[in-house]
Protein backbone atom coordinates (compact mmCIF):
# COMPACT_ATOMS: atom_id res chain seq x y z
CA UNK A 1 6.85 4.72 -10.02
CA UNK A 2 10.04 5.99 -11.69
CA UNK A 3 11.05 9.93 -11.10
CA UNK A 4 8.75 9.94 -8.22
CA UNK A 5 10.25 10.47 -4.58
CA UNK A 6 9.92 11.60 -1.04
CA UNK A 7 11.95 13.75 1.03
CA UNK A 8 12.17 13.30 4.81
CA UNK A 9 14.09 15.23 7.38
CA UNK A 10 16.58 13.00 9.39
CA UNK A 11 13.96 12.46 12.22
CA UNK A 12 11.46 11.02 10.27
CA UNK A 13 13.87 8.98 8.27
CA UNK A 14 14.85 7.46 11.74
CA UNK A 15 11.26 7.20 12.52
CA UNK A 16 9.94 5.22 9.80
CA UNK A 17 13.07 2.47 9.41
CA UNK A 18 12.36 1.90 13.28
CA UNK A 19 8.96 1.18 12.34
CA UNK A 20 9.66 -0.65 9.48
CA UNK A 21 12.42 -2.78 10.93
CA UNK A 22 10.14 -4.07 13.85
CA UNK A 23 7.81 -5.13 11.21
CA UNK A 24 10.35 -6.75 9.36
CA UNK A 25 11.80 -8.83 11.82
CA UNK A 26 8.08 -10.07 12.82
CA UNK A 27 7.17 -11.03 9.17
CA UNK A 28 9.73 -10.01 6.45
CA UNK A 29 6.91 -11.24 3.38
CA UNK A 30 4.67 -8.28 4.98
CA UNK A 31 3.28 -5.80 1.77
CA UNK A 32 3.16 -2.41 2.72
CA UNK A 33 0.85 0.06 1.51
CA UNK A 34 2.21 3.73 0.78
CA UNK A 35 0.32 6.32 0.67
CA UNK A 36 0.60 10.54 0.39
CA UNK A 37 -0.12 13.75 0.32
CA UNK A 38 1.85 16.72 -0.92
CA UNK A 39 3.36 17.05 2.44
CA UNK A 40 3.20 13.76 4.56
CA UNK A 41 3.66 9.92 3.71
CA UNK A 42 2.09 7.17 5.42
CA UNK A 43 2.43 3.71 5.52
CA UNK A 44 -0.11 0.94 6.27
CA UNK A 45 0.59 -2.60 7.11
CA UNK A 46 -1.25 -5.76 8.36
CA UNK A 47 1.05 -7.54 10.74
CA UNK A 48 -0.12 -10.86 11.98
CA UNK A 49 -2.36 -10.23 14.84
CA UNK A 50 -5.28 -9.45 12.64
CA UNK A 51 -5.14 -5.47 12.92
CA UNK A 52 -4.14 -2.84 10.42
CA UNK A 53 -1.17 -0.47 11.54
CA UNK A 54 -0.71 3.18 10.07
CA UNK A 55 2.15 5.46 10.76
CA UNK A 56 2.80 9.08 8.87
CA UNK A 57 5.78 11.44 8.80
CA UNK A 58 5.60 14.64 7.62
CA UNK A 59 6.80 14.47 3.97
CA UNK A 60 7.60 16.52 0.61
CA UNK A 61 6.13 13.98 -2.22
CA UNK A 62 6.99 14.41 -5.61
CA UNK A 63 5.72 12.59 -8.62
CA UNK A 64 5.53 13.40 -12.26
CA UNK A 65 2.26 13.79 -12.81
CA UNK A 66 1.62 15.71 -9.28
CA UNK A 67 -0.88 12.85 -8.50
CA UNK A 68 -0.74 11.17 -4.62
CA UNK A 69 1.07 8.31 -3.71
CA UNK A 70 -0.81 4.73 -3.54
CA UNK A 71 1.15 1.80 -4.01
CA UNK A 72 1.76 -1.88 -2.12
CA UNK A 73 5.51 -2.53 -1.90
CA UNK A 74 7.50 -5.07 0.00
CA UNK A 75 8.45 -4.53 3.22
CA UNK A 76 11.99 -5.86 2.65
CA UNK A 77 12.57 -3.30 -0.34
CA UNK A 78 11.30 -0.37 1.55
CA UNK A 79 13.49 -1.21 4.80
CA UNK A 80 16.27 -1.49 2.40
CA UNK A 81 15.40 1.45 0.24
CA UNK A 82 15.06 3.81 3.67
CA UNK A 83 18.43 1.87 4.87
CA UNK A 84 20.19 3.63 1.95
CA UNK A 85 19.00 6.61 1.69
CA UNK A 86 19.39 7.54 5.25
CA UNK A 87 23.22 6.85 4.90
CA UNK A 88 23.51 8.65 1.69
CA UNK A 89 21.05 11.51 3.09
CA UNK A 90 19.20 11.41 -0.11
CA UNK A 91 15.64 11.13 -0.88
CA UNK A 92 13.73 7.63 -1.22
CA UNK A 93 13.35 6.69 -4.83
CA UNK A 94 10.54 4.97 -5.73
CA UNK A 95 11.68 2.93 -8.47
CA UNK A 96 14.00 1.08 -6.17
CA UNK A 97 10.95 -0.46 -4.33
CA UNK A 98 9.70 -3.93 -5.37
CA UNK A 99 6.02 -3.87 -5.96
CA UNK A 100 4.15 -6.57 -3.98
CA UNK A 101 0.61 -8.07 -3.99
CA UNK A 102 -2.07 -8.49 -1.31
CA UNK A 103 -2.95 -11.76 -0.77
CA UNK A 104 -6.76 -12.66 -0.45
CA UNK A 105 -7.38 -13.53 2.63
CA UNK A 106 -10.25 -12.99 4.88
CA UNK A 107 -7.78 -11.29 7.64
CA UNK A 108 -6.95 -7.79 7.86
CA UNK A 109 -5.30 -6.66 4.78
CA UNK A 110 -3.96 -3.24 3.25
CA UNK A 111 -6.33 -4.11 0.70
CA UNK A 112 -9.11 -2.53 2.91
CA UNK A 113 -8.20 1.01 3.92
CA UNK A 114 -10.29 2.30 7.53
CA UNK A 115 -12.84 4.71 6.99
CA UNK A 116 -11.79 8.29 6.65
CA UNK A 117 -14.41 10.14 8.76
CA UNK A 118 -16.94 9.26 10.93
CA UNK A 119 -15.06 8.72 13.74
CA UNK A 120 -17.14 8.82 16.92
CA UNK A 121 -15.76 11.00 19.77
CA UNK A 122 -12.27 9.32 21.21
CA UNK A 123 -12.25 8.10 24.37
CA UNK A 124 -8.77 9.25 26.06
CA UNK A 125 -6.16 7.53 28.04
CA UNK A 126 -2.54 7.13 29.23
CA UNK A 127 -0.30 4.76 27.93
CA UNK A 128 1.31 3.43 31.08
CA UNK A 129 -1.93 2.10 32.02
CA UNK A 130 -2.28 0.34 28.91
CA UNK A 131 1.44 -1.40 28.86
CA UNK A 132 0.78 -2.71 32.35
CA UNK A 133 -2.47 -4.12 30.82
CA UNK A 134 -0.20 -5.56 27.87
CA UNK A 135 2.63 -7.00 30.15
CA UNK A 136 -0.12 -8.84 32.70
CA UNK A 137 -1.93 -10.64 29.70
CA UNK A 138 1.80 -11.91 28.96
CA UNK A 139 2.93 -12.84 32.06
CA UNK A 140 -0.53 -15.02 31.80
CA UNK A 141 0.27 -16.33 29.21
CA UNK A 142 3.71 -17.43 29.69
CA UNK A 143 2.58 -19.37 33.10
CA UNK A 144 -0.50 -20.96 31.60
CA UNK A 145 1.65 -21.99 28.80
CA UNK A 146 4.59 -23.78 30.76
CA UNK A 147 5.08 -27.28 29.24
CA UNK A 148 2.60 -26.91 26.80
CA UNK A 149 2.56 -28.42 23.03
CA UNK A 150 2.81 -25.38 20.20
CA UNK A 151 -1.23 -26.33 19.97
CA UNK A 152 -1.84 -25.71 23.29
CA UNK A 153 0.16 -22.70 23.62
CA UNK A 154 -1.73 -21.19 20.24
CA UNK A 155 -5.08 -21.83 21.90
CA UNK A 156 -4.37 -19.88 25.08
CA UNK A 157 -2.74 -16.79 23.21
CA UNK A 158 -5.90 -16.75 20.53
CA UNK A 159 -8.18 -16.87 24.05
CA UNK A 160 -6.01 -13.85 25.37
CA UNK A 161 -5.81 -11.82 22.57
CA UNK A 162 -9.43 -11.78 21.79
CA UNK A 163 -10.47 -10.10 24.90
CA UNK A 164 -11.74 -6.88 25.19
CA UNK A 165 -9.76 -4.50 27.15
CA UNK A 166 -9.54 -0.79 27.82
CA UNK A 167 -12.39 0.86 25.78
CA UNK A 168 -13.91 -2.35 24.32
CA UNK A 169 -10.64 -2.93 22.18
CA UNK A 170 -9.36 -6.21 21.31
CA UNK A 171 -6.27 -6.93 23.62
CA UNK A 172 -4.78 -7.73 20.26
CA UNK A 173 -5.03 -3.99 19.46
CA UNK A 174 -2.75 -2.95 22.64
CA UNK A 175 -0.12 -6.28 22.33
CA UNK A 176 0.31 -4.93 18.15
CA UNK A 177 0.68 -1.61 19.18
CA UNK A 178 3.31 -1.95 22.09
CA UNK A 179 5.12 -4.39 19.97
CA UNK A 180 5.23 -1.90 17.05
CA UNK A 181 6.61 0.82 18.95
CA UNK A 182 3.46 2.77 19.07
CA UNK A 183 2.62 2.19 22.59
CA UNK A 184 5.38 3.24 25.18
CA UNK A 185 5.42 2.59 29.35
CA UNK A 186 4.95 7.15 29.62
CA UNK A 187 2.32 9.55 30.30
CA UNK A 188 1.79 10.25 26.84
CA UNK A 189 -1.59 10.01 25.84
CA UNK A 190 -3.63 7.67 23.80
CA UNK A 191 -7.55 7.36 22.43
CA UNK A 192 -10.02 4.99 21.14
CA UNK A 193 -12.81 5.54 18.82
CA UNK A 194 -15.51 4.01 16.53
CA UNK A 195 -16.62 4.28 13.23
CA UNK A 196 -19.34 1.62 11.91
CA UNK A 197 -17.37 -2.15 12.78
CA UNK A 198 -14.29 -0.79 12.64
CA UNK A 199 -12.14 0.54 15.75
CA UNK A 200 -9.06 2.74 16.04
CA UNK A 201 -6.73 2.98 18.97
CA UNK A 202 -4.63 5.58 18.34
CA UNK A 203 -1.44 7.17 20.02
CA UNK A 204 1.79 9.81 19.29
CA UNK A 205 3.31 7.18 17.47
CA UNK A 206 0.84 5.70 15.13
CA UNK A 207 -2.59 4.24 15.29
CA UNK A 208 -3.92 0.45 14.91
CA UNK A 209 -7.28 -0.81 13.64
CA UNK A 210 -9.19 -3.23 13.56
CA UNK A 211 -13.04 -5.05 12.90
CA UNK A 212 -14.72 -7.36 14.78
CA UNK A 213 -15.04 -10.86 13.74
CA UNK A 214 -18.44 -10.98 12.29
CA UNK A 215 -17.29 -8.12 9.41
CA UNK A 216 -13.43 -9.72 9.30
CA UNK A 217 -13.45 -13.33 10.07
CA UNK A 218 -11.05 -14.42 12.57
CA UNK A 219 -7.54 -15.52 12.00
CA UNK A 220 -5.06 -17.93 13.75
CA UNK A 221 -3.52 -15.30 16.37
CA UNK A 222 0.13 -16.15 17.34
CA UNK A 223 1.43 -14.70 20.41
CA UNK A 224 4.99 -12.87 19.92
CA UNK A 225 6.28 -11.26 23.04
């Protein structure tokens, strides 16, 4: 990673910091995968709702041999470098990032990325309609789990987030998108599409991917509000 750097504008730097800080708070051990073209930087992560999240921003990516980036680093080192680069108005320096290994797991992970093509014509919707669905699910969880043990709460969380929601997406996809700040309570357009077993939920702020249990065995889901 020596001599490689990423130049980001102030707005792009703020956006990346917001997304990565949310995920660091959610799971400080999370590995993230950085991929690039010469004009954009993308970040894949697998937050703990058995989904794959993707966020991209315009960027100027420079490497010694000119090849695109594709590396896995710790989210803690990425947040630290973003904060340092933002404070000093300098490019990201990849040698400052700590390499991370991807655990062998049956759940979604950054080891397996979604297809780049073959997506069907998307179904369109409005963000605020979907945030209402997530709010209803959270309210149901709160009402049904009052006084229950952690095991009982976990069982209900699994039930709620595995339900089929808008455009045949699992509810956990919508929840993860809202939790990561990708789904806002506004009139922006959102869309859903499929490619083979993969499902994709796209907003103006990023995308969430998932696969059904038959191709990606179900992980334990923890409700995080």
